[in-house]
């Protein structure tokens, strides 16, 4: 009877809502409109390099440079789940496969880059959302919600079957509740933002080589909500509210125990006499022992507190700090190379939650009040190259590698990955005129996904992305920017422990401007 408590664990877990549009599992790399129109920015020398190539920013002209970026991202997340329990659901028409779709909107993803260049020095500032950045809403919950409710209905049906078995063996007249299935409404929503404040300095060692050192402070805030309501037990005599049905189960168990105890005593006597039990007798023994343990622990009575459904709320917040270093090397007027390393950001999200007591279910404890949850943003290394075959054209290439397995996540989830994540990027820019630049680029993203790691609460899928857009120099001091970025996801098929398929969609539109003084 602790399966309803297991449903509570499913509710609590179903609240992760990371909406990283590009990058690693917990890292957003789309921090500018320049990235949207050409994501291979790791060796580009421009103001957006404050994030992507900070060492290269020192090669911009002397003066003050300031950039404003606004992005709107829309995602869907689709999970197709298969489970025999679903056939018991009133709304499922006897089907064992069900589709759950969540919508994740990030209507306002801002970022600001600023740099002041003087002589061989560049002082830089960046404000962005390097992780999280939106919310996800599943209006009909998730398969992990419904599986648990289905398990409870199935356990009631098993109780009926067990009662009928004892009636047949002993001639007793134990109540049959005639359970045939379940009905429910469910909902989940999560919102997560990590605000990043980065400050650093680049120094031009000589006309070809520069170095950068900086620090990023991350402030993380998240709110998770989950609800299961209108829980009903379907019977041959009609649907009953879960709370109204529980007394019937109590009555059935009360009638069962004396008869079951008598049968169990006979089975023990048979074993004591050295007579082996057949398969039916072994099943009876195991079932009765489990029922007795459930009754003694009060698990059935504990379900009463959930008779009106489940409403849960958890707020999280934390602060983390990480150094960032980078180098840039201008081989000549045609070739530029750059590299950047971001150290791991240690994050311990502190909970303010409606869950106050520790649970035997570890998943619930992640959201227990006052708990500190490991949510490190992994270290990453980025390398890039830019080739300028002619003055008006720049070709870019880059690579990102995320040290996921060296981070610390709740429940050591990082250890369930097969390998660290990586990305390969390429793009091109063309100065059509002195004022107009157009660009296009793409990236390939690969994660070390495994069946053990994947779940319907928060997931990523291997993908490739394409972006395009342009800059228009409205005046000598003002440049307008626009870009569009779309990600095409694959489908991950999980077979263990449950059968599910996962996929997503993602589109990002952005506009911005840059002021050079």
Protein backbone atom coordinates (compact mmCIF):
# COMPACT_ATOMS: atom_id res chain seq x y z
CA UNK A 1 0.00 0.00 0.00
CA UNK A 2 2.98 2.32 -0.08
CA UNK A 3 2.51 2.69 -3.82
CA UNK A 4 0.52 5.89 -3.35
CA UNK A 5 3.52 7.30 -1.51
CA UNK A 6 5.57 6.25 -4.52
CA UNK A 7 3.21 8.34 -6.61
CA UNK A 8 4.13 11.28 -4.39
CA UNK A 9 7.77 10.70 -5.33
CA UNK A 10 6.79 10.83 -8.98
CA UNK A 11 5.05 14.13 -8.44
CA UNK A 12 8.02 15.67 -6.69
CA UNK A 13 10.47 14.49 -9.29
CA UNK A 14 8.36 15.74 -12.15
CA UNK A 15 9.36 19.31 -11.59
CA UNK A 16 12.66 19.88 -13.30
CA UNK A 17 12.21 22.50 -15.96
CA UNK A 18 15.57 23.38 -17.38
CA UNK A 19 15.11 25.10 -20.75
CA UNK A 20 18.64 25.26 -22.06
CA UNK A 21 18.23 26.22 -25.70
CA UNK A 22 21.78 25.36 -26.73
CA UNK A 23 24.75 23.90 -24.96
CA UNK A 24 25.32 21.19 -22.39
CA UNK A 25 22.88 19.50 -20.05
CA UNK A 26 22.91 22.46 -17.63
CA UNK A 27 24.61 25.11 -19.77
CA UNK A 28 23.16 27.73 -22.11
CA UNK A 29 25.63 28.96 -24.75
CA UNK A 30 23.19 31.16 -26.71
CA UNK A 31 24.01 34.40 -24.95
CA UNK A 32 23.76 36.80 -27.89
CA UNK A 33 22.01 37.45 -31.17
CA UNK A 34 25.37 36.86 -32.87
CA UNK A 35 25.23 33.28 -31.59
CA UNK A 36 21.73 32.76 -33.00
CA UNK A 37 22.82 33.78 -36.50
CA UNK A 38 26.09 31.81 -36.30
CA UNK A 39 26.75 29.65 -33.21
CA UNK A 40 30.44 29.09 -34.09
CA UNK A 41 31.61 32.17 -32.17
CA UNK A 42 34.50 30.70 -30.20
CA UNK A 43 37.22 32.48 -32.20
CA UNK A 44 35.21 35.44 -33.50
CA UNK A 45 36.43 38.88 -32.47
CA UNK A 46 33.40 40.94 -31.59
CA UNK A 47 31.56 42.21 -28.53
CA UNK A 48 29.67 38.94 -28.01
CA UNK A 49 33.11 37.49 -27.29
CA UNK A 50 32.68 38.83 -23.76
CA UNK A 51 30.95 35.44 -23.32
CA UNK A 52 32.29 33.26 -26.15
CA UNK A 53 35.87 34.55 -26.69
CA UNK A 54 36.71 37.05 -23.94
CA UNK A 55 40.43 37.12 -24.72
CA UNK A 56 39.69 38.25 -28.28
CA UNK A 57 37.62 41.30 -27.24
CA UNK A 58 40.83 43.21 -26.49
CA UNK A 59 41.47 43.37 -30.26
CA UNK A 60 38.36 45.53 -30.79
CA UNK A 61 38.96 49.29 -31.29
CA UNK A 62 39.58 51.41 -28.24
CA UNK A 63 36.51 52.84 -26.55
CA UNK A 64 33.33 51.70 -24.88
CA UNK A 65 31.23 48.91 -26.41
CA UNK A 66 27.79 47.92 -25.12
CA UNK A 67 25.41 45.27 -26.43
CA UNK A 68 21.79 44.46 -25.55
CA UNK A 69 20.16 41.16 -26.53
CA UNK A 70 16.61 39.86 -26.19
CA UNK A 71 15.59 36.32 -27.07
CA UNK A 72 12.27 34.48 -27.10
CA UNK A 73 12.42 30.69 -26.96
CA UNK A 74 9.57 28.22 -27.41
CA UNK A 75 9.97 24.51 -26.77
CA UNK A 76 7.79 21.44 -26.63
CA UNK A 77 8.69 18.22 -24.90
CA UNK A 78 6.94 15.04 -25.93
CA UNK A 79 7.06 11.78 -24.03
CA UNK A 80 5.31 8.69 -25.37
CA UNK A 81 4.90 6.20 -22.52
CA UNK A 82 3.71 2.60 -22.60
CA UNK A 83 2.45 0.76 -19.53
CA UNK A 84 -0.19 -1.92 -18.95
CA UNK A 85 -1.54 0.13 -16.03
CA UNK A 86 -2.68 2.87 -18.44
CA UNK A 87 -5.38 0.53 -19.77
CA UNK A 88 -7.10 0.86 -16.38
CA UNK A 89 -7.48 4.66 -16.78
CA UNK A 90 -10.98 5.96 -17.49
CA UNK A 91 -9.68 8.53 -20.00
CA UNK A 92 -7.39 6.14 -21.87
CA UNK A 93 -9.95 4.03 -23.73
CA UNK A 94 -8.19 0.80 -22.80
CA UNK A 95 -4.95 1.91 -24.49
CA UNK A 96 -1.59 1.09 -22.92
CA UNK A 97 0.31 3.87 -24.76
CA UNK A 98 -0.18 7.54 -23.97
CA UNK A 99 1.42 10.80 -25.18
CA UNK A 100 2.31 13.56 -22.70
CA UNK A 101 3.31 16.95 -24.05
CA UNK A 102 4.78 19.86 -22.16
CA UNK A 103 5.21 23.43 -23.35
CA UNK A 104 8.29 25.37 -22.25
CA UNK A 105 8.27 29.09 -22.91
CA UNK A 106 11.03 31.55 -22.13
CA UNK A 107 9.49 34.84 -23.29
CA UNK A 108 12.33 37.05 -22.13
CA UNK A 109 15.95 35.85 -22.15
CA UNK A 110 18.08 38.97 -21.75
CA UNK A 111 21.82 39.41 -21.92
CA UNK A 112 24.10 42.42 -21.79
CA UNK A 113 27.74 42.60 -22.86
CA UNK A 114 29.97 45.52 -22.10
CA UNK A 115 33.66 46.20 -22.74
CA UNK A 116 35.96 49.17 -22.29
CA UNK A 117 39.17 48.91 -24.30
CA UNK A 118 42.17 51.11 -23.61
CA UNK A 119 45.66 50.38 -24.85
CA UNK A 120 46.51 46.75 -24.17
CA UNK A 121 43.66 46.27 -21.70
CA UNK A 122 40.00 45.34 -21.95
CA UNK A 123 37.67 45.44 -18.94
CA UNK A 124 34.53 43.41 -19.57
CA UNK A 125 31.12 42.75 -18.04
CA UNK A 126 28.46 40.22 -19.00
CA UNK A 127 24.97 39.63 -17.64
CA UNK A 128 23.12 36.59 -18.95
CA UNK A 129 21.23 33.43 -18.02
CA UNK A 130 23.89 30.71 -18.47
CA UNK A 131 21.57 27.95 -17.22
CA UNK A 132 17.83 27.44 -16.95
CA UNK A 133 15.91 30.35 -18.37
CA UNK A 134 12.22 29.51 -18.44
CA UNK A 135 9.44 27.18 -17.42
CA UNK A 136 7.79 23.99 -18.53
CA UNK A 137 4.13 23.10 -18.04
CA UNK A 138 2.51 19.69 -18.44
CA UNK A 139 -1.24 20.30 -18.26
CA UNK A 140 -1.97 16.56 -18.00
CA UNK A 141 0.95 15.58 -15.82
CA UNK A 142 3.39 12.88 -16.84
CA UNK A 143 3.50 9.15 -17.27
CA UNK A 144 5.36 8.84 -13.97
CA UNK A 145 2.30 10.40 -12.28
CA UNK A 146 -0.19 8.09 -13.89
CA UNK A 147 1.84 4.92 -13.54
CA UNK A 148 1.74 5.25 -9.77
CA UNK A 149 -2.03 5.79 -9.66
CA UNK A 150 -2.45 2.80 -11.98
CA UNK A 151 -0.29 0.68 -9.68
CA UNK A 152 -2.56 1.52 -6.75
CA UNK A 153 -5.68 0.60 -8.72
CA UNK A 154 -4.00 -2.65 -9.77
CA UNK A 155 -3.11 -3.39 -6.13
CA UNK A 156 -6.78 -2.97 -5.17
CA UNK A 157 -7.72 -5.31 -7.99
CA UNK A 158 -5.15 -7.80 -6.70
CA UNK A 159 -6.71 -7.50 -3.26
CA UNK A 160 -10.07 -8.44 -4.78
CA UNK A 161 -8.47 -11.42 -6.51
CA UNK A 162 -6.82 -12.49 -3.26
CA UNK A 163 -10.14 -12.21 -1.42
CA UNK A 164 -11.84 -14.36 -4.04
CA UNK A 165 -9.04 -16.93 -3.77
CA UNK A 166 -9.48 -17.19 0.01
CA UNK A 167 -13.25 -17.37 -0.41
CA UNK A 168 -12.78 -20.34 -2.71
CA UNK A 169 -10.28 -22.08 -0.42
CA UNK A 170 -12.07 -21.56 2.89
CA UNK A 171 -15.71 -21.00 1.98
CA UNK A 172 -15.60 -17.56 3.57
CA UNK A 173 -17.56 -14.54 2.32
CA UNK A 174 -14.98 -11.73 2.20
CA UNK A 175 -16.07 -8.43 0.59
CA UNK A 176 -15.30 -7.95 -3.11
CA UNK A 177 -14.87 -4.25 -3.94
CA UNK A 178 -15.10 -4.95 -7.70
CA UNK A 179 -12.29 -2.51 -8.63
CA UNK A 180 -11.93 -2.07 -12.39
CA UNK A 181 -9.60 0.94 -12.77
CA UNK A 182 -8.94 4.57 -11.87
CA UNK A 183 -9.49 8.17 -12.87
CA UNK A 184 -7.42 11.26 -12.07
CA UNK A 185 -6.38 14.77 -13.06
CA UNK A 186 -2.75 15.85 -12.80
CA UNK A 187 -0.58 18.85 -13.54
CA UNK A 188 3.03 19.93 -13.17
CA UNK A 189 4.98 23.11 -13.71
CA UNK A 190 8.54 24.16 -13.08
CA UNK A 191 10.44 27.40 -13.59
CA UNK A 192 14.18 27.75 -13.27
CA UNK A 193 16.56 30.67 -13.79
CA UNK A 194 20.29 30.99 -13.20
CA UNK A 195 21.33 34.62 -13.49
CA UNK A 196 25.01 35.07 -14.34
CA UNK A 197 27.14 38.12 -13.57
CA UNK A 198 30.59 37.93 -15.18
CA UNK A 199 33.44 40.40 -14.72
CA UNK A 200 36.92 40.04 -16.17
CA UNK A 201 39.92 41.59 -17.85
CA UNK A 202 41.79 40.76 -21.05
CA UNK A 203 45.38 41.82 -21.69
CA UNK A 204 47.14 42.06 -25.06
CA UNK A 205 50.50 40.40 -24.41
CA UNK A 206 51.69 41.38 -27.89
CA UNK A 207 49.99 42.27 -31.19
CA UNK A 208 49.14 38.59 -31.75
CA UNK A 209 48.45 37.07 -28.32
CA UNK A 210 46.02 38.00 -25.55
CA UNK A 211 44.88 36.39 -22.31
CA UNK A 212 41.75 36.70 -20.16
CA UNK A 213 40.84 36.07 -16.55
CA UNK A 214 37.41 36.57 -15.02
CA UNK A 215 34.84 35.43 -12.51
CA UNK A 216 31.19 34.52 -12.93
CA UNK A 217 28.68 34.63 -10.08
CA UNK A 218 25.54 32.53 -10.60
CA UNK A 219 22.35 33.17 -8.68
CA UNK A 220 19.89 30.31 -9.12
CA UNK A 221 16.19 30.45 -8.35
CA UNK A 222 13.53 27.85 -9.11
CA UNK A 223 9.88 27.13 -8.32
CA UNK A 224 8.29 23.71 -8.76
CA UNK A 225 4.58 22.89 -8.51
CA UNK A 226 2.77 19.59 -8.86
CA UNK A 227 -0.84 18.54 -8.34
CA UNK A 228 -2.86 15.35 -8.48
CA UNK A 229 -6.59 15.85 -8.01
CA UNK A 230 -9.96 14.21 -8.61
CA UNK A 231 -8.52 10.79 -7.78
CA UNK A 232 -11.22 8.16 -8.23
CA UNK A 233 -11.40 4.40 -7.98
CA UNK A 234 -13.53 2.83 -10.67
CA UNK A 235 -15.67 -0.10 -9.59
CA UNK A 236 -18.36 -2.24 -11.15
CA UNK A 237 -20.85 -0.20 -9.13
CA UNK A 238 -19.56 3.21 -10.30
CA UNK A 239 -16.71 5.60 -9.63
CA UNK A 240 -15.85 6.54 -6.04
CA UNK A 241 -13.61 9.31 -4.73
CA UNK A 242 -10.39 7.89 -3.39
CA UNK A 243 -11.21 9.07 0.14
CA UNK A 244 -14.70 7.53 0.00
CA UNK A 245 -13.32 4.25 -1.29
CA UNK A 246 -10.67 3.70 1.39
CA UNK A 247 -13.17 2.55 4.08
CA UNK A 248 -14.25 -0.23 1.71
CA UNK A 249 -10.63 -1.38 1.45
CA UNK A 250 -10.25 -1.21 5.23
CA UNK A 251 -13.36 -3.35 5.62
CA UNK A 252 -12.01 -5.86 3.10
CA UNK A 253 -8.64 -6.07 4.85
CA UNK A 254 -10.34 -6.47 8.24
CA UNK A 255 -12.29 -9.42 6.86
CA UNK A 256 -9.24 -10.83 5.12
CA UNK A 257 -6.79 -10.94 8.00
CA UNK A 258 -8.43 -13.60 10.25
CA UNK A 259 -8.97 -15.92 7.29
CA UNK A 260 -5.53 -15.17 5.84
CA UNK A 261 -3.85 -15.72 9.21
CA UNK A 262 -5.54 -19.11 9.51
CA UNK A 263 -4.35 -20.11 6.03
CA UNK A 264 -0.83 -18.87 6.78
CA UNK A 265 -0.71 -20.93 9.97
CA UNK A 266 -1.62 -24.04 7.98
CA UNK A 267 1.14 -23.31 5.47
CA UNK A 268 3.71 -22.87 8.26
CA UNK A 269 2.63 -26.20 9.77
CA UNK A 270 3.06 -27.88 6.41
CA UNK A 271 6.58 -26.43 6.04
CA UNK A 272 7.45 -27.47 9.61
CA UNK A 273 6.42 -31.01 8.76
CA UNK A 274 8.95 -31.00 5.92
CA UNK A 275 6.34 -30.88 3.19
CA UNK A 276 7.25 -28.54 0.30
CA UNK A 277 4.76 -25.89 -0.78
CA UNK A 278 3.45 -25.84 -4.34
CA UNK A 279 3.49 -22.67 -6.43
CA UNK A 280 0.00 -21.54 -5.41
CA UNK A 281 0.80 -22.07 -1.74
CA UNK A 282 4.06 -20.17 -2.02
CA UNK A 283 2.21 -17.25 -3.64
CA UNK A 284 -0.42 -17.32 -0.89
CA UNK A 285 2.24 -17.30 1.80
CA UNK A 286 4.08 -14.35 0.26
CA UNK A 287 0.87 -12.37 -0.28
CA UNK A 288 -0.40 -12.89 3.26
CA UNK A 289 2.96 -11.98 4.80
CA UNK A 290 3.06 -8.80 2.72
CA UNK A 291 -0.50 -7.90 3.68
CA UNK A 292 0.27 -8.45 7.38
CA UNK A 293 3.37 -6.26 7.17
CA UNK A 294 1.39 -3.53 5.41
CA UNK A 295 -1.29 -3.58 8.07
CA UNK A 296 1.20 -3.54 10.93
CA UNK A 297 3.07 -0.56 9.48
CA UNK A 298 -0.14 1.40 9.04
CA UNK A 299 0.52 1.95 5.32
CA UNK A 300 -3.14 1.64 4.44
CA UNK A 301 -4.20 4.25 7.00
CA UNK A 302 -1.44 6.56 5.76
CA UNK A 303 -3.21 6.79 2.41
CA UNK A 304 -6.07 8.72 4.00
CA UNK A 305 -4.00 11.91 4.13
CA UNK A 306 -3.93 11.87 0.31
CA UNK A 307 -7.67 11.33 -0.12
CA UNK A 308 -8.10 14.91 -1.34
CA UNK A 309 -5.19 14.67 -3.75
CA UNK A 310 -1.68 16.06 -3.64
CA UNK A 311 -0.60 19.69 -3.89
CA UNK A 312 3.11 20.33 -3.61
CA UNK A 313 5.27 23.43 -3.83
CA UNK A 314 9.04 23.77 -3.63
CA UNK A 315 11.12 26.94 -4.02
CA UNK A 316 14.89 26.73 -4.42
CA UNK A 317 17.71 29.25 -4.44
CA UNK A 318 21.51 29.29 -4.30
CA UNK A 319 24.66 31.17 -5.30
CA UNK A 320 27.76 29.77 -7.00
CA UNK A 321 31.05 31.22 -8.26
CA UNK A 322 33.40 30.01 -10.99
CA UNK A 323 36.63 31.39 -12.57
CA UNK A 324 36.96 31.70 -16.36
CA UNK A 325 40.20 31.90 -18.34
CA UNK A 326 40.87 32.33 -22.05
CA UNK A 327 43.50 32.96 -24.71
CA UNK A 328 43.41 34.30 -28.26
CA UNK A 329 46.10 33.98 -30.93
CA UNK A 330 46.08 35.96 -34.17
CA UNK A 331 48.36 34.03 -36.48
CA UNK A 332 47.98 36.69 -39.17
CA UNK A 333 45.25 38.71 -40.86
CA UNK A 334 43.59 35.52 -42.08
CA UNK A 335 43.67 33.11 -39.13
CA UNK A 336 42.59 33.54 -35.52
CA UNK A 337 42.50 30.85 -32.84
CA UNK A 338 41.01 30.97 -29.36
CA UNK A 339 40.26 28.82 -26.33
CA UNK A 340 38.27 29.29 -23.14
CA UNK A 341 37.90 27.22 -19.96
CA UNK A 342 35.06 27.68 -17.50
CA UNK A 343 35.57 26.03 -14.14
CA UNK A 344 32.80 24.04 -12.49
CA UNK A 345 30.22 26.14 -10.66
CA UNK A 346 29.32 24.44 -7.41
CA UNK A 347 25.61 24.92 -6.76
CA UNK A 348 23.74 23.77 -3.65
CA UNK A 349 20.09 24.72 -4.09
CA UNK A 350 18.35 25.25 -0.74
CA UNK A 351 14.72 24.15 -0.54
CA UNK A 352 11.72 25.91 0.92
CA UNK A 353 9.12 23.21 0.55
CA UNK A 354 5.83 21.75 1.75
CA UNK A 355 7.68 18.45 2.32
CA UNK A 356 8.88 18.60 5.92
CA UNK A 357 9.69 15.02 6.90
CA UNK A 358 12.22 12.61 5.48
CA UNK A 359 10.70 9.87 3.36
CA UNK A 360 11.69 6.30 2.75
CA UNK A 361 11.51 7.28 -0.92
CA UNK A 362 14.77 9.01 -1.80
CA UNK A 363 13.25 10.94 -4.70
CA UNK A 364 10.99 12.85 -2.31
CA UNK A 365 13.93 13.87 -0.15
CA UNK A 366 15.37 15.91 -3.00
CA UNK A 367 12.57 18.41 -2.36
CA UNK A 368 12.41 18.20 1.43
CA UNK A 369 12.31 21.51 3.24
CA UNK A 370 15.77 22.89 4.13
CA UNK A 371 17.47 20.24 1.97
CA UNK A 372 20.51 21.35 -0.05
CA UNK A 373 20.51 19.85 -3.54
CA UNK A 374 23.62 19.39 -5.70
CA UNK A 375 23.07 21.07 -9.09
CA UNK A 376 26.60 21.89 -10.29
CA UNK A 377 27.02 23.58 -13.66
CA UNK A 378 29.80 21.45 -15.23
CA UNK A 379 33.18 22.81 -16.25
CA UNK A 380 33.56 23.25 -20.00
CA UNK A 381 36.30 23.95 -22.52
CA UNK A 382 35.68 25.74 -25.82
CA UNK A 383 38.09 26.00 -28.74
CA UNK A 384 37.62 27.81 -32.02
CA UNK A 385 39.21 28.97 -35.26
CA UNK A 386 38.33 31.74 -37.71
CA UNK A 387 39.57 32.00 -41.29
CA UNK A 388 39.19 35.16 -43.33
CA UNK A 389 39.92 34.12 -46.94
CA UNK A 390 38.90 37.58 -48.17
CA UNK A 391 38.17 40.75 -46.25
CA UNK A 392 34.38 40.42 -46.55
CA UNK A 393 34.06 36.72 -45.57
CA UNK A 394 34.79 34.90 -42.29
CA UNK A 395 34.55 31.14 -41.83
CA UNK A 396 34.23 29.77 -38.30
CA UNK A 397 34.63 26.43 -36.57
CA UNK A 398 34.57 25.40 -32.93
CA UNK A 399 34.09 22.71 -30.36
CA UNK A 400 32.68 22.51 -26.82
CA UNK A 401 33.35 19.79 -24.27
CA UNK A 402 31.38 19.59 -21.00
CA UNK A 403 32.75 17.76 -17.96
CA UNK A 404 29.36 16.41 -16.88
CA UNK A 405 30.65 13.33 -15.12
CA UNK A 406 32.98 15.44 -12.98
CA UNK A 407 30.07 17.56 -11.67
CA UNK A 408 27.96 16.66 -8.65
CA UNK A 409 24.22 16.22 -9.18
CA UNK A 410 21.56 14.96 -6.85
CA UNK A 411 21.64 11.21 -6.44
CA UNK A 412 24.93 11.10 -8.38
CA UNK A 413 22.95 11.33 -11.61
CA UNK A 414 26.16 12.26 -13.44
CA UNK A 415 27.45 8.73 -12.89
CA UNK A 416 24.55 7.35 -14.95
CA UNK A 417 25.83 9.07 -18.11
CA UNK A 418 27.85 7.02 -20.57
CA UNK A 419 30.21 9.89 -21.43
CA UNK A 420 30.57 13.66 -21.24
CA UNK A 421 28.68 15.94 -23.63
CA UNK A 422 30.28 17.64 -26.63
CA UNK A 423 29.39 19.94 -29.51
CA UNK A 424 30.84 20.65 -32.95
CA UNK A 425 30.10 24.04 -34.55
CA UNK A 426 30.62 25.70 -37.93
CA UNK A 427 29.44 28.89 -39.62
CA UNK A 428 30.13 31.72 -42.03
CA UNK A 429 29.68 35.52 -42.19
CA UNK A 430 29.56 37.77 -45.23
CA UNK A 431 29.79 41.55 -45.22
CA UNK A 432 27.41 42.21 -48.10
CA UNK A 433 28.04 45.96 -47.81
CA UNK A 434 29.83 48.20 -45.38
CA UNK A 435 26.63 48.27 -43.33
CA UNK A 436 25.00 44.86 -43.85
CA UNK A 437 26.36 41.50 -42.64
CA UNK A 438 24.56 38.18 -43.03
CA UNK A 439 25.55 34.88 -41.48
CA UNK A 440 24.55 31.25 -41.07
CA UNK A 441 25.85 28.41 -38.94
CA UNK A 442 25.05 25.21 -37.14
CA UNK A 443 26.02 22.91 -34.32
CA UNK A 444 25.88 19.20 -33.55
CA UNK A 445 25.21 18.26 -29.91
CA UNK A 446 25.80 14.83 -28.40
CA UNK A 447 25.12 13.64 -24.85
CA UNK A 448 26.13 10.45 -23.04
CA UNK A 449 22.54 9.33 -22.53
CA UNK A 450 21.57 5.99 -21.01
CA UNK A 451 18.28 4.36 -20.06
CA UNK A 452 19.20 4.76 -16.41
CA UNK A 453 19.80 8.50 -16.79
CA UNK A 454 16.71 9.36 -18.85
CA UNK A 455 13.37 10.16 -17.24
CA UNK A 456 10.25 12.08 -18.18
CA UNK A 457 10.79 14.74 -15.52
CA UNK A 458 13.80 16.39 -17.14
CA UNK A 459 15.55 15.16 -20.25
CA UNK A 460 17.79 16.15 -23.13
CA UNK A 461 18.09 14.54 -26.57
CA UNK A 462 20.88 14.53 -29.15
CA UNK A 463 20.32 17.23 -31.74
CA UNK A 464 21.60 19.48 -34.50
CA UNK A 465 20.81 23.18 -34.80
CA UNK A 466 20.83 25.78 -37.55
CA UNK A 467 20.88 29.55 -37.10
CA UNK A 468 20.87 32.52 -39.45
CA UNK A 469 20.46 36.29 -39.32
CA UNK A 470 22.24 39.55 -39.84
CA UNK A 471 23.60 42.85 -38.56
CA UNK A 472 22.76 46.27 -39.93
CA UNK A 473 24.97 49.23 -39.06
CA UNK A 474 22.38 51.96 -38.75
CA UNK A 475 24.95 54.62 -37.82
CA UNK A 476 28.66 54.74 -37.11
CA UNK A 477 27.84 54.07 -33.45
CA UNK A 478 24.74 51.83 -33.58
CA UNK A 479 24.39 48.32 -35.02
CA UNK A 480 21.04 46.48 -35.11
CA UNK A 481 20.97 42.67 -34.90
CA UNK A 482 18.43 39.91 -35.56
CA UNK A 483 18.70 36.12 -35.61
CA UNK A 484 16.71 32.88 -35.68
CA UNK A 485 17.84 29.55 -34.26
CA UNK A 486 16.11 26.18 -34.61
CA UNK A 487 17.06 22.83 -33.11
CA UNK A 488 16.09 19.49 -34.61
CA UNK A 489 16.03 16.72 -32.00
CA UNK A 490 16.30 13.00 -32.38
CA UNK A 491 14.20 10.52 -30.41
CA UNK A 492 15.57 8.54 -27.50
CA UNK A 493 13.91 5.16 -26.93
CA UNK A 494 14.11 3.87 -23.37
CA UNK A 495 13.21 0.28 -22.54
CA UNK A 496 14.34 -0.03 -18.90
CA UNK A 497 12.84 0.37 -16.33
CA UNK A 498 9.82 1.54 -18.33
CA UNK A 499 9.12 1.89 -22.02
CA UNK A 500 9.22 5.54 -23.08
CA UNK A 501 10.33 7.64 -26.02
CA UNK A 502 11.55 11.23 -25.66
CA UNK A 503 11.82 14.09 -28.13
CA UNK A 504 11.66 17.90 -28.15
CA UNK A 505 11.29 20.94 -30.40
CA UNK A 506 13.01 24.30 -30.00
CA UNK A 507 12.86 27.66 -31.78
CA UNK A 508 14.52 30.89 -30.71
CA UNK A 509 14.02 34.37 -32.12
CA UNK A 510 16.18 37.27 -31.04
CA UNK A 511 16.84 40.95 -31.64
CA UNK A 512 19.44 43.28 -30.21
CA UNK A 513 21.68 46.25 -30.71
CA UNK A 514 25.28 47.25 -30.12
CA UNK A 515 26.58 50.70 -29.27
CA UNK A 516 30.24 51.58 -29.95
CA UNK A 517 31.61 54.83 -28.58
